[in-house]
């Protein structure tokens, strides 16, 4: 059965489309008798308002495009949940596009958002994104964009990121206070700004303890961590470990178990969303980066920009 439209109801009742529309909105100019007939017909034939058409006339789709670098069990789900909580409360819908860590796919996703007439774009960049020239199309049509989590140095778009200095320095300080003298620090993709920032702040803080040695490795996935540690832990010993993310922590945890390294003899500190460590080892010390909060802040910032743009119109 095809979807019933206002036009269909108008033809059934032999009245105008505008009368049906106003009756459904309880317009005072429409009699109660007509309102009742229209609403009964709408209910009988399962009439569903076309939100897109309504919002199109208002020059607003009430839809947000969310672009993420990849679908992952780490961190991304909590961010999406935070974004959803804000957008739903404000009457917005959103769709999710994954760039699969491909710059070309990211470019395609931006075009998809523009062609879908979204009211704004929330985007976390891929590891291969080096500039934001592909977002110029959005700027040209005054389409609001907010970048979150993974970004690059820029000053054109609002962004929501964690305090990488505070997180990395806190981790280093806790390892120092735990009297760790030989530390293995596991970072993510070396090309990402978030990795570079956390690494630089972490190393700088460790310089306050000259007797502390630190070995640094870069891993783009949990599997990469396991592959590298499978070799490293056969030849080197550490009394402290730092994981810059849930993904690196997952790989570290698996490696410690495989090598039968007791966590009671080491100190493990990680920057984490907070959920994963609960299922790993209670002795792990966590610096919480709340993905839900990041999602709510990113969505709230975007809607703030969208609403300001509406006021100007």
C-alpha atoms as a PDB file:
ATOM      1  CA  UNK A   1       0.000   0.000   0.000  1.00  0.00           C
ATOM      2  CA  UNK A   2       1.401   3.373  -0.997  1.00  0.00           C
ATOM      3  CA  UNK A   3       2.001   6.116   1.520  1.00  0.00           C
ATOM      4  CA  UNK A   4      -1.102   8.320   1.936  1.00  0.00           C
ATOM      5  CA  UNK A   5      -0.551  12.032   1.335  1.00  0.00           C
ATOM      6  CA  UNK A   6      -2.485  15.163   2.237  1.00  0.00           C
ATOM      7  CA  UNK A   7      -3.599  15.309  -1.391  1.00  0.00           C
ATOM      8  CA  UNK A   8      -5.071  11.789  -1.103  1.00  0.00           C
ATOM      9  CA  UNK A   9      -7.056  12.762   2.008  1.00  0.00           C
ATOM     10  CA  UNK A  10      -8.293  15.928   0.303  1.00  0.00           C
ATOM     11  CA  UNK A  11      -9.591  13.908  -2.668  1.00  0.00           C
ATOM     12  CA  UNK A  12     -11.279  11.392  -0.361  1.00  0.00           C
ATOM     13  CA  UNK A  13     -13.155  14.126   1.481  1.00  0.00           C
ATOM     14  CA  UNK A  14     -13.630  16.368  -1.553  1.00  0.00           C
ATOM     15  CA  UNK A  15     -11.964  19.355   0.097  1.00  0.00           C
ATOM     16  CA  UNK A  16      -8.842  21.372  -0.674  1.00  0.00           C
ATOM     17  CA  UNK A  17      -5.313  20.348   0.290  1.00  0.00           C
ATOM     18  CA  UNK A  18      -4.892  23.562   2.299  1.00  0.00           C
ATOM     19  CA  UNK A  19      -8.047  22.725   4.299  1.00  0.00           C
ATOM     20  CA  UNK A  20      -6.651  19.289   5.183  1.00  0.00           C
ATOM     21  CA  UNK A  21      -3.335  20.803   6.173  1.00  0.00           C
ATOM     22  CA  UNK A  22      -4.940  23.422   8.431  1.00  0.00           C
ATOM     23  CA  UNK A  23      -7.329  20.864   9.933  1.00  0.00           C
ATOM     24  CA  UNK A  24      -4.423  18.642  10.933  1.00  0.00           C
ATOM     25  CA  UNK A  25      -2.839  21.659  12.632  1.00  0.00           C
ATOM     26  CA  UNK A  26      -6.071  22.560  14.489  1.00  0.00           C
ATOM     27  CA  UNK A  27      -6.302  25.893  12.700  1.00  0.00           C
ATOM     28  CA  UNK A  28      -9.105  28.052  14.220  1.00  0.00           C
ATOM     29  CA  UNK A  29     -10.556  28.829  10.774  1.00  0.00           C
ATOM     30  CA  UNK A  30     -11.491  25.171  10.247  1.00  0.00           C
ATOM     31  CA  UNK A  31     -14.689  23.847  11.821  1.00  0.00           C
ATOM     32  CA  UNK A  32     -14.577  21.075  14.376  1.00  0.00           C
ATOM     33  CA  UNK A  33     -16.653  18.884  12.087  1.00  0.00           C
ATOM     34  CA  UNK A  34     -14.115  19.130   9.270  1.00  0.00           C
ATOM     35  CA  UNK A  35     -11.215  18.658  11.700  1.00  0.00           C
ATOM     36  CA  UNK A  36     -12.810  15.482  13.007  1.00  0.00           C
ATOM     37  CA  UNK A  37     -13.380  14.055   9.503  1.00  0.00           C
ATOM     38  CA  UNK A  38      -9.820  14.866   8.430  1.00  0.00           C
ATOM     39  CA  UNK A  39      -8.243  13.367  11.548  1.00  0.00           C
ATOM     40  CA  UNK A  40     -10.381  10.226  11.304  1.00  0.00           C
ATOM     41  CA  UNK A  41      -9.324   9.767   7.678  1.00  0.00           C
ATOM     42  CA  UNK A  42      -5.681  10.382   8.577  1.00  0.00           C
ATOM     43  CA  UNK A  43      -5.825   7.788  11.334  1.00  0.00           C
ATOM     44  CA  UNK A  44      -7.737   5.248   9.258  1.00  0.00           C
ATOM     45  CA  UNK A  45      -5.275   5.380   6.369  1.00  0.00           C
ATOM     46  CA  UNK A  46      -2.141   5.753   8.558  1.00  0.00           C
ATOM     47  CA  UNK A  47      -1.246   9.184   7.267  1.00  0.00           C
ATOM     48  CA  UNK A  48       2.310  10.155   8.289  1.00  0.00           C
ATOM     49  CA  UNK A  49       3.429  13.781   7.877  1.00  0.00           C
ATOM     50  CA  UNK A  50       6.287  14.249   5.420  1.00  0.00           C
ATOM     51  CA  UNK A  51       8.784  15.942   7.709  1.00  0.00           C
ATOM     52  CA  UNK A  52      11.260  16.440   4.892  1.00  0.00           C
ATOM     53  CA  UNK A  53       8.756  18.314   2.744  1.00  0.00           C
ATOM     54  CA  UNK A  54       7.636  20.434   5.688  1.00  0.00           C
ATOM     55  CA  UNK A  55      11.173  21.333   6.666  1.00  0.00           C
ATOM     56  CA  UNK A  56      12.141  21.910   3.041  1.00  0.00           C
ATOM     57  CA  UNK A  57       9.523  24.644   2.822  1.00  0.00           C
ATOM     58  CA  UNK A  58      11.031  26.126   5.963  1.00  0.00           C
ATOM     59  CA  UNK A  59      14.489  25.902   4.349  1.00  0.00           C
ATOM     60  CA  UNK A  60      15.529  23.471   7.063  1.00  0.00           C
ATOM     61  CA  UNK A  61      15.880  19.696   6.855  1.00  0.00           C
ATOM     62  CA  UNK A  62      16.221  19.182  10.618  1.00  0.00           C
ATOM     63  CA  UNK A  63      18.840  16.607   9.674  1.00  0.00           C
ATOM     64  CA  UNK A  64      22.532  16.554  10.615  1.00  0.00           C
ATOM     65  CA  UNK A  65      25.252  14.633   8.783  1.00  0.00           C
ATOM     66  CA  UNK A  66      27.703  12.777  11.038  1.00  0.00           C
ATOM     67  CA  UNK A  67      30.973  11.694   9.405  1.00  0.00           C
ATOM     68  CA  UNK A  68      33.334   9.400  11.322  1.00  0.00           C
ATOM     69  CA  UNK A  69      36.735   8.048  10.192  1.00  0.00           C
ATOM     70  CA  UNK A  70      35.658   4.420  10.690  1.00  0.00           C
ATOM     71  CA  UNK A  71      33.173   2.250  12.516  1.00  0.00           C
ATOM     72  CA  UNK A  72      34.843   1.058  15.689  1.00  0.00           C
ATOM     73  CA  UNK A  73      33.880  -0.581  18.964  1.00  0.00           C
ATOM     74  CA  UNK A  74      36.187   1.865  20.728  1.00  0.00           C
ATOM     75  CA  UNK A  75      34.978   5.332  21.708  1.00  0.00           C
ATOM     76  CA  UNK A  76      32.785   6.010  18.642  1.00  0.00           C
ATOM     77  CA  UNK A  77      29.606   4.372  20.050  1.00  0.00           C
ATOM     78  CA  UNK A  78      29.635   6.590  23.140  1.00  0.00           C
ATOM     79  CA  UNK A  79      30.177   9.702  20.991  1.00  0.00           C
ATOM     80  CA  UNK A  80      27.229   8.773  18.764  1.00  0.00           C
ATOM     81  CA  UNK A  81      25.086   8.217  21.842  1.00  0.00           C
ATOM     82  CA  UNK A  82      25.956  11.695  23.136  1.00  0.00           C
ATOM     83  CA  UNK A  83      25.226  13.302  19.774  1.00  0.00           C
ATOM     84  CA  UNK A  84      21.920  11.456  19.526  1.00  0.00           C
ATOM     85  CA  UNK A  85      20.796  12.599  22.985  1.00  0.00           C
ATOM     86  CA  UNK A  86      21.182  16.276  22.050  1.00  0.00           C
ATOM     87  CA  UNK A  87      19.796  16.118  18.514  1.00  0.00           C
ATOM     88  CA  UNK A  88      16.775  14.047  19.535  1.00  0.00           C
ATOM     89  CA  UNK A  89      15.904  16.485  22.306  1.00  0.00           C
ATOM     90  CA  UNK A  90      16.037  19.377  19.833  1.00  0.00           C
ATOM     91  CA  UNK A  91      13.907  17.622  17.210  1.00  0.00           C
ATOM     92  CA  UNK A  92      16.748  16.777  14.821  1.00  0.00           C
ATOM     93  CA  UNK A  93      17.559  13.545  13.036  1.00  0.00           C
ATOM     94  CA  UNK A  94      20.987  12.470  11.841  1.00  0.00           C
ATOM     95  CA  UNK A  95      22.626   9.889   9.621  1.00  0.00           C
ATOM     96  CA  UNK A  96      26.095   8.387  10.011  1.00  0.00           C
ATOM     97  CA  UNK A  97      28.638   8.079   7.197  1.00  0.00           C
ATOM     98  CA  UNK A  98      31.923   6.200   7.659  1.00  0.00           C
ATOM     99  CA  UNK A  99      34.965   7.362   5.704  1.00  0.00           C
ATOM    100  CA  UNK A 100      36.735   4.025   6.326  1.00  0.00           C
ATOM    101  CA  UNK A 101      39.973   5.965   6.934  1.00  0.00           C
ATOM    102  CA  UNK A 102      39.913   7.090   3.287  1.00  0.00           C
ATOM    103  CA  UNK A 103      40.306  10.742   2.304  1.00  0.00           C
ATOM    104  CA  UNK A 104      38.460  10.123  -0.957  1.00  0.00           C
ATOM    105  CA  UNK A 105      35.551   8.586   0.945  1.00  0.00           C
ATOM    106  CA  UNK A 106      35.587  11.529   3.348  1.00  0.00           C
ATOM    107  CA  UNK A 107      35.285  13.902   0.384  1.00  0.00           C
ATOM    108  CA  UNK A 108      32.400  11.837  -0.997  1.00  0.00           C
ATOM    109  CA  UNK A 109      30.675  11.897   2.389  1.00  0.00           C
ATOM    110  CA  UNK A 110      30.851  15.680   2.553  1.00  0.00           C
ATOM    111  CA  UNK A 111      29.282  15.922  -0.900  1.00  0.00           C
ATOM    112  CA  UNK A 112      26.575  13.472   0.203  1.00  0.00           C
ATOM    113  CA  UNK A 113      25.768  15.676   3.195  1.00  0.00           C
ATOM    114  CA  UNK A 114      25.563  18.782   1.023  1.00  0.00           C
ATOM    115  CA  UNK A 115      23.361  17.061  -1.565  1.00  0.00           C
ATOM    116  CA  UNK A 116      21.120  15.763   1.232  1.00  0.00           C
ATOM    117  CA  UNK A 117      20.533  19.371   2.325  1.00  0.00           C
ATOM    118  CA  UNK A 118      21.594  18.727   5.916  1.00  0.00           C
ATOM    119  CA  UNK A 119      21.471  21.638   8.344  1.00  0.00           C
ATOM    120  CA  UNK A 120      25.028  20.970   9.510  1.00  0.00           C
ATOM    121  CA  UNK A 121      27.933  18.528   9.526  1.00  0.00           C
ATOM    122  CA  UNK A 122      29.720  16.897  12.456  1.00  0.00           C
ATOM    123  CA  UNK A 123      32.999  15.345  11.339  1.00  0.00           C
ATOM    124  CA  UNK A 124      35.959  13.489  12.803  1.00  0.00           C
ATOM    125  CA  UNK A 125      38.776  13.455  10.255  1.00  0.00           C
ATOM    126  CA  UNK A 126      40.611  10.478   8.787  1.00  0.00           C
ATOM    127  CA  UNK A 127      44.289   9.907   9.510  1.00  0.00           C
ATOM    128  CA  UNK A 128      45.046  10.899   5.922  1.00  0.00           C
ATOM    129  CA  UNK A 129      43.371  14.298   6.020  1.00  0.00           C
ATOM    130  CA  UNK A 130      46.111  16.918   5.790  1.00  0.00           C
ATOM    131  CA  UNK A 131      44.085  20.012   4.904  1.00  0.00           C
ATOM    132  CA  UNK A 132      40.453  21.106   4.845  1.00  0.00           C
ATOM    133  CA  UNK A 133      40.154  22.302   1.266  1.00  0.00           C
ATOM    134  CA  UNK A 134      37.418  19.712   0.638  1.00  0.00           C
ATOM    135  CA  UNK A 135      35.279  21.445   3.279  1.00  0.00           C
ATOM    136  CA  UNK A 136      35.364  24.689   1.294  1.00  0.00           C
ATOM    137  CA  UNK A 137      32.151  23.658  -0.487  1.00  0.00           C
ATOM    138  CA  UNK A 138      30.372  23.701   2.858  1.00  0.00           C
ATOM    139  CA  UNK A 139      31.806  27.123   3.716  1.00  0.00           C
ATOM    140  CA  UNK A 140      30.748  28.485   0.336  1.00  0.00           C
ATOM    141  CA  UNK A 141      27.078  27.738   1.101  1.00  0.00           C
ATOM    142  CA  UNK A 142      27.363  28.715   4.790  1.00  0.00           C
ATOM    143  CA  UNK A 143      26.769  25.139   5.926  1.00  0.00           C
ATOM    144  CA  UNK A 144      27.848  24.866   9.589  1.00  0.00           C
ATOM    145  CA  UNK A 145      30.628  22.360  10.311  1.00  0.00           C
ATOM    146  CA  UNK A 146      32.022  21.243  13.670  1.00  0.00           C
ATOM    147  CA  UNK A 147      35.080  18.989  13.848  1.00  0.00           C
ATOM    148  CA  UNK A 148      35.442  16.687  16.845  1.00  0.00           C
ATOM    149  CA  UNK A 149      38.048  14.326  18.312  1.00  0.00           C
ATOM    150  CA  UNK A 150      40.400  13.895  15.339  1.00  0.00           C
ATOM    151  CA  UNK A 151      41.434  17.148  13.720  1.00  0.00           C
ATOM    152  CA  UNK A 152      44.388  18.994  12.199  1.00  0.00           C
ATOM    153  CA  UNK A 153      45.794  22.472  12.960  1.00  0.00           C
ATOM    154  CA  UNK A 154      43.238  24.904  11.525  1.00  0.00           C
ATOM    155  CA  UNK A 155      41.276  28.048  12.381  1.00  0.00           C
ATOM    156  CA  UNK A 156      38.304  27.921  10.002  1.00  0.00           C
ATOM    157  CA  UNK A 157      35.901  25.622  11.837  1.00  0.00           C
ATOM    158  CA  UNK A 158      34.793  25.143  15.428  1.00  0.00           C
ATOM    159  CA  UNK A 159      36.151  21.991  17.017  1.00  0.00           C
ATOM    160  CA  UNK A 160      35.605  19.927  20.137  1.00  0.00           C
ATOM    161  CA  UNK A 161      38.706  18.087  21.357  1.00  0.00           C
ATOM    162  CA  UNK A 162      40.012  16.791  24.651  1.00  0.00           C
ATOM    163  CA  UNK A 163      42.733  18.503  26.672  1.00  0.00           C
ATOM    164  CA  UNK A 164      45.624  16.429  25.358  1.00  0.00           C
ATOM    165  CA  UNK A 165      48.195  18.314  27.402  1.00  0.00           C
ATOM    166  CA  UNK A 166      46.406  17.647  30.668  1.00  0.00           C
ATOM    167  CA  UNK A 167      45.746  13.992  29.834  1.00  0.00           C
ATOM    168  CA  UNK A 168      49.281  13.161  28.716  1.00  0.00           C
ATOM    169  CA  UNK A 169      50.993  15.088  31.513  1.00  0.00           C
ATOM    170  CA  UNK A 170      48.742  13.465  34.111  1.00  0.00           C
ATOM    171  CA  UNK A 171      49.629  10.008  32.801  1.00  0.00           C
ATOM    172  CA  UNK A 172      53.361  10.729  32.865  1.00  0.00           C
ATOM    173  CA  UNK A 173      53.156  12.241  36.338  1.00  0.00           C
ATOM    174  CA  UNK A 174      51.350   9.191  37.745  1.00  0.00           C
ATOM    175  CA  UNK A 175      53.955   6.836  36.289  1.00  0.00           C
ATOM    176  CA  UNK A 176      56.722   8.928  37.813  1.00  0.00           C
ATOM    177  CA  UNK A 177      55.006   8.938  41.212  1.00  0.00           C
ATOM    178  CA  UNK A 178      54.682   5.160  40.973  1.00  0.00           C
ATOM    179  CA  UNK A 179      58.501   5.032  40.720  1.00  0.00           C
ATOM    180  CA  UNK A 180      58.459   3.525  37.246  1.00  0.00           C
ATOM    181  CA  UNK A 181      61.969   3.604  35.776  1.00  0.00           C
ATOM    182  CA  UNK A 182      61.424   1.762  32.500  1.00  0.00           C
ATOM    183  CA  UNK A 183      58.263   2.751  30.644  1.00  0.00           C
ATOM    184  CA  UNK A 184      56.723   1.521  27.415  1.00  0.00           C
ATOM    185  CA  UNK A 185      54.467   4.181  25.878  1.00  0.00           C
ATOM    186  CA  UNK A 186      52.075   3.006  23.165  1.00  0.00           C
ATOM    187  CA  UNK A 187      50.707   5.675  20.852  1.00  0.00           C
ATOM    188  CA  UNK A 188      48.378   5.521  17.875  1.00  0.00           C
ATOM    189  CA  UNK A 189      48.917   6.587  14.274  1.00  0.00           C
ATOM    190  CA  UNK A 190      52.033   8.751  14.219  1.00  0.00           C
ATOM    191  CA  UNK A 191      50.531  11.038  11.551  1.00  0.00           C
ATOM    192  CA  UNK A 192      47.560  12.125  13.666  1.00  0.00           C
ATOM    193  CA  UNK A 193      47.675  15.427  15.518  1.00  0.00           C
ATOM    194  CA  UNK A 194      46.145  13.810  18.612  1.00  0.00           C
ATOM    195  CA  UNK A 195      48.999  11.266  18.690  1.00  0.00           C
ATOM    196  CA  UNK A 196      51.661  13.901  18.206  1.00  0.00           C
ATOM    197  CA  UNK A 197      50.206  16.147  20.890  1.00  0.00           C
ATOM    198  CA  UNK A 198      49.874  13.404  23.494  1.00  0.00           C
ATOM    199  CA  UNK A 199      53.365  12.107  22.698  1.00  0.00           C
ATOM    200  CA  UNK A 200      55.027  15.507  22.968  1.00  0.00           C
ATOM    201  CA  UNK A 201      53.334  16.434  26.255  1.00  0.00           C
ATOM    202  CA  UNK A 202      54.010  12.963  27.684  1.00  0.00           C
ATOM    203  CA  UNK A 203      57.723  13.058  26.832  1.00  0.00           C
ATOM    204  CA  UNK A 204      58.112  16.630  28.076  1.00  0.00           C
ATOM    205  CA  UNK A 205      56.640  15.702  31.450  1.00  0.00           C
ATOM    206  CA  UNK A 206      58.903  12.648  31.782  1.00  0.00           C
ATOM    207  CA  UNK A 207      61.943  14.924  31.437  1.00  0.00           C
ATOM    208  CA  UNK A 208      61.232  16.009  34.999  1.00  0.00           C
ATOM    209  CA  UNK A 209      62.467  12.549  36.009  1.00  0.00           C
ATOM    210  CA  UNK A 210      65.861  12.106  34.272  1.00  0.00           C
ATOM    211  CA  UNK A 211      66.328   8.617  35.697  1.00  0.00           C
ATOM    212  CA  UNK A 212      63.169   7.392  33.957  1.00  0.00           C
ATOM    213  CA  UNK A 213      63.632   5.705  30.582  1.00  0.00           C
ATOM    214  CA  UNK A 214      60.868   5.507  28.004  1.00  0.00           C
ATOM    215  CA  UNK A 215      60.453   3.420  24.873  1.00  0.00           C
ATOM    216  CA  UNK A 216      57.842   4.695  22.389  1.00  0.00           C
ATOM    217  CA  UNK A 217      56.023   2.689  19.751  1.00  0.00           C
ATOM    218  CA  UNK A 218      53.279   3.655  17.301  1.00  0.00           C
ATOM    219  CA  UNK A 219      50.410   1.326  16.437  1.00  0.00           C
ATOM    220  CA  UNK A 220      47.390   1.986  14.230  1.00  0.00           C
ATOM    221  CA  UNK A 221      45.278  -0.795  15.745  1.00  0.00           C
ATOM    222  CA  UNK A 222      44.980  -3.218  18.646  1.00  0.00           C
ATOM    223  CA  UNK A 223      46.303  -5.960  16.380  1.00  0.00           C
ATOM    224  CA  UNK A 224      49.346  -3.842  15.548  1.00  0.00           C
ATOM    225  CA  UNK A 225      50.052  -3.442  19.270  1.00  0.00           C
ATOM    226  CA  UNK A 226      49.899  -7.213  19.757  1.00  0.00           C
ATOM    227  CA  UNK A 227      52.214  -7.858  16.811  1.00  0.00           C
ATOM    228  CA  UNK A 228      54.880  -5.453  18.048  1.00  0.00           C
ATOM    229  CA  UNK A 229      54.685  -6.447  21.706  1.00  0.00           C
ATOM    230  CA  UNK A 230      54.878 -10.111  20.791  1.00  0.00           C
ATOM    231  CA  UNK A 231      58.486  -9.367  19.838  1.00  0.00           C
ATOM    232  CA  UNK A 232      59.406  -6.530  22.218  1.00  0.00           C
ATOM    233  CA  UNK A 233      58.280  -8.258  25.419  1.00  0.00           C
ATOM    234  CA  UNK A 234      60.487 -11.245  24.657  1.00  0.00           C
ATOM    235  CA  UNK A 235      63.607  -9.092  24.970  1.00  0.00           C
ATOM    236  CA  UNK A 236      62.723  -6.089  27.097  1.00  0.00           C
ATOM    237  CA  UNK A 237      61.180  -5.604  30.533  1.00  0.00           C
ATOM    238  CA  UNK A 238      59.118  -2.648  31.728  1.00  0.00           C
ATOM    239  CA  UNK A 239      57.695  -1.617  35.068  1.00  0.00           C
ATOM    240  CA  UNK A 240      55.287   0.925  33.593  1.00  0.00           C
ATOM    241  CA  UNK A 241      53.021   1.056  30.557  1.00  0.00           C
ATOM    242  CA  UNK A 242      51.109   3.922  28.983  1.00  0.00           C
ATOM    243  CA  UNK A 243      48.336   3.399  26.412  1.00  0.00           C
ATOM    244  CA  UNK A 244      47.036   6.556  24.716  1.00  0.00           C
ATOM    245  CA  UNK A 245      43.622   5.092  23.813  1.00  0.00           C
ATOM    246  CA  UNK A 246      41.190   2.235  24.345  1.00  0.00           C
ATOM    247  CA  UNK A 247      42.431   0.600  21.156  1.00  0.00           C
ATOM    248  CA  UNK A 248      46.064   0.564  22.259  1.00  0.00           C
ATOM    249  CA  UNK A 249      45.016  -0.560  25.733  1.00  0.00           C
ATOM    250  CA  UNK A 250      43.142  -3.539  24.275  1.00  0.00           C
ATOM    251  CA  UNK A 251      46.269  -4.639  22.432  1.00  0.00           C
ATOM    252  CA  UNK A 252      48.472  -4.087  25.491  1.00  0.00           C
ATOM    253  CA  UNK A 253      46.161  -6.061  27.776  1.00  0.00           C
ATOM    254  CA  UNK A 254      46.104  -9.015  25.381  1.00  0.00           C
ATOM    255  CA  UNK A 255      49.911  -8.983  25.147  1.00  0.00           C
ATOM    256  CA  UNK A 256      50.443  -8.863  28.913  1.00  0.00           C
ATOM    257  CA  UNK A 257      48.192 -11.888  29.321  1.00  0.00           C
ATOM    258  CA  UNK A 258      49.892 -13.801  26.517  1.00  0.00           C
ATOM    259  CA  UNK A 259      53.349 -13.127  27.960  1.00  0.00           C
ATOM    260  CA  UNK A 260      52.094 -13.946  31.466  1.00  0.00           C
ATOM    261  CA  UNK A 261      53.306 -10.611  32.848  1.00  0.00           C
ATOM    262  CA  UNK A 262      51.586 -10.074  36.230  1.00  0.00           C
ATOM    263  CA  UNK A 263      49.940  -6.668  36.483  1.00  0.00           C
ATOM    264  CA  UNK A 264      50.735  -6.648  40.199  1.00  0.00           C
ATOM    265  CA  UNK A 265      54.370  -6.048  39.251  1.00  0.00           C
ATOM    266  CA  UNK A 266      53.723  -3.276  36.756  1.00  0.00           C
ATOM    267  CA  UNK A 267      51.818   0.008  36.447  1.00  0.00           C
ATOM    268  CA  UNK A 268      49.393   0.387  33.545  1.00  0.00           C
ATOM    269  CA  UNK A 269      47.893   3.796  32.827  1.00  0.00           C
ATOM    270  CA  UNK A 270      45.619   4.570  29.894  1.00  0.00           C
ATOM    271  CA  UNK A 271      43.621   7.408  28.427  1.00  0.00           C
ATOM    272  CA  UNK A 272      40.249   5.773  27.907  1.00  0.00           C
ATOM    273  CA  UNK A 273      36.560   6.347  27.366  1.00  0.00           C
ATOM    274  CA  UNK A 274      36.105   4.382  30.561  1.00  0.00           C
ATOM    275  CA  UNK A 275      34.008   1.366  29.592  1.00  0.00           C
ATOM    276  CA  UNK A 276      36.654  -1.047  28.284  1.00  0.00           C
ATOM    277  CA  UNK A 277      38.928  -1.162  31.381  1.00  0.00           C
ATOM    278  CA  UNK A 278      36.032  -2.427  33.500  1.00  0.00           C
ATOM    279  CA  UNK A 279      36.250  -5.694  31.563  1.00  0.00           C
ATOM    280  CA  UNK A 280      40.049  -5.964  31.530  1.00  0.00           C
ATOM    281  CA  UNK A 281      41.900  -5.498  34.822  1.00  0.00           C
ATOM    282  CA  UNK A 282      40.815  -3.501  37.868  1.00  0.00           C
ATOM    283  CA  UNK A 283      44.415  -2.513  38.581  1.00  0.00           C
ATOM    284  CA  UNK A 284      44.626  -0.434  35.396  1.00  0.00           C
ATOM    285  CA  UNK A 285      44.581   3.282  36.147  1.00  0.00           C
ATOM    286  CA  UNK A 286      42.387   5.302  33.816  1.00  0.00           C
ATOM    287  CA  UNK A 287      42.318   8.902  32.696  1.00  0.00           C
ATOM    288  CA  UNK A 288      38.761   9.248  31.480  1.00  0.00           C
ATOM    289  CA  UNK A 289      37.917  10.897  28.169  1.00  0.00           C
ATOM    290  CA  UNK A 290      34.135  10.732  28.170  1.00  0.00           C
ATOM    291  CA  UNK A 291      32.956  10.083  24.619  1.00  0.00           C
ATOM    292  CA  UNK A 292      29.341  10.776  25.566  1.00  0.00           C
ATOM    293  CA  UNK A 293      30.310  14.250  26.802  1.00  0.00           C
ATOM    294  CA  UNK A 294      32.297  14.930  23.649  1.00  0.00           C
ATOM    295  CA  UNK A 295      29.272  13.937  21.574  1.00  0.00           C
ATOM    296  CA  UNK A 296      26.918  16.191  23.511  1.00  0.00           C
ATOM    297  CA  UNK A 297      29.329  19.133  23.313  1.00  0.00           C
ATOM    298  CA  UNK A 298      29.879  18.690  19.574  1.00  0.00           C
ATOM    299  CA  UNK A 299      26.153  18.452  18.839  1.00  0.00           C
ATOM    300  CA  UNK A 300      25.339  21.409  21.086  1.00  0.00           C
ATOM    301  CA  UNK A 301      28.019  23.548  19.413  1.00  0.00           C
ATOM    302  CA  UNK A 302      26.723  22.692  15.940  1.00  0.00           C
ATOM    303  CA  UNK A 303      23.108  23.478  16.831  1.00  0.00           C
ATOM    304  CA  UNK A 304      24.224  26.761  18.371  1.00  0.00           C
ATOM    305  CA  UNK A 305      25.795  27.725  15.029  1.00  0.00           C
ATOM    306  CA  UNK A 306      22.762  26.482  13.084  1.00  0.00           C
ATOM    307  CA  UNK A 307      20.364  28.529  15.193  1.00  0.00           C
ATOM    308  CA  UNK A 308      22.481  31.675  14.875  1.00  0.00           C
ATOM    309  CA  UNK A 309      22.460  31.237  11.109  1.00  0.00           C
ATOM    310  CA  UNK A 310      18.655  30.869  11.159  1.00  0.00           C
ATOM    311  CA  UNK A 311      18.312  34.124  13.109  1.00  0.00           C
ATOM    312  CA  UNK A 312      20.399  35.980  10.528  1.00  0.00           C
ATOM    313  CA  UNK A 313      18.073  34.705   7.800  1.00  0.00           C
END
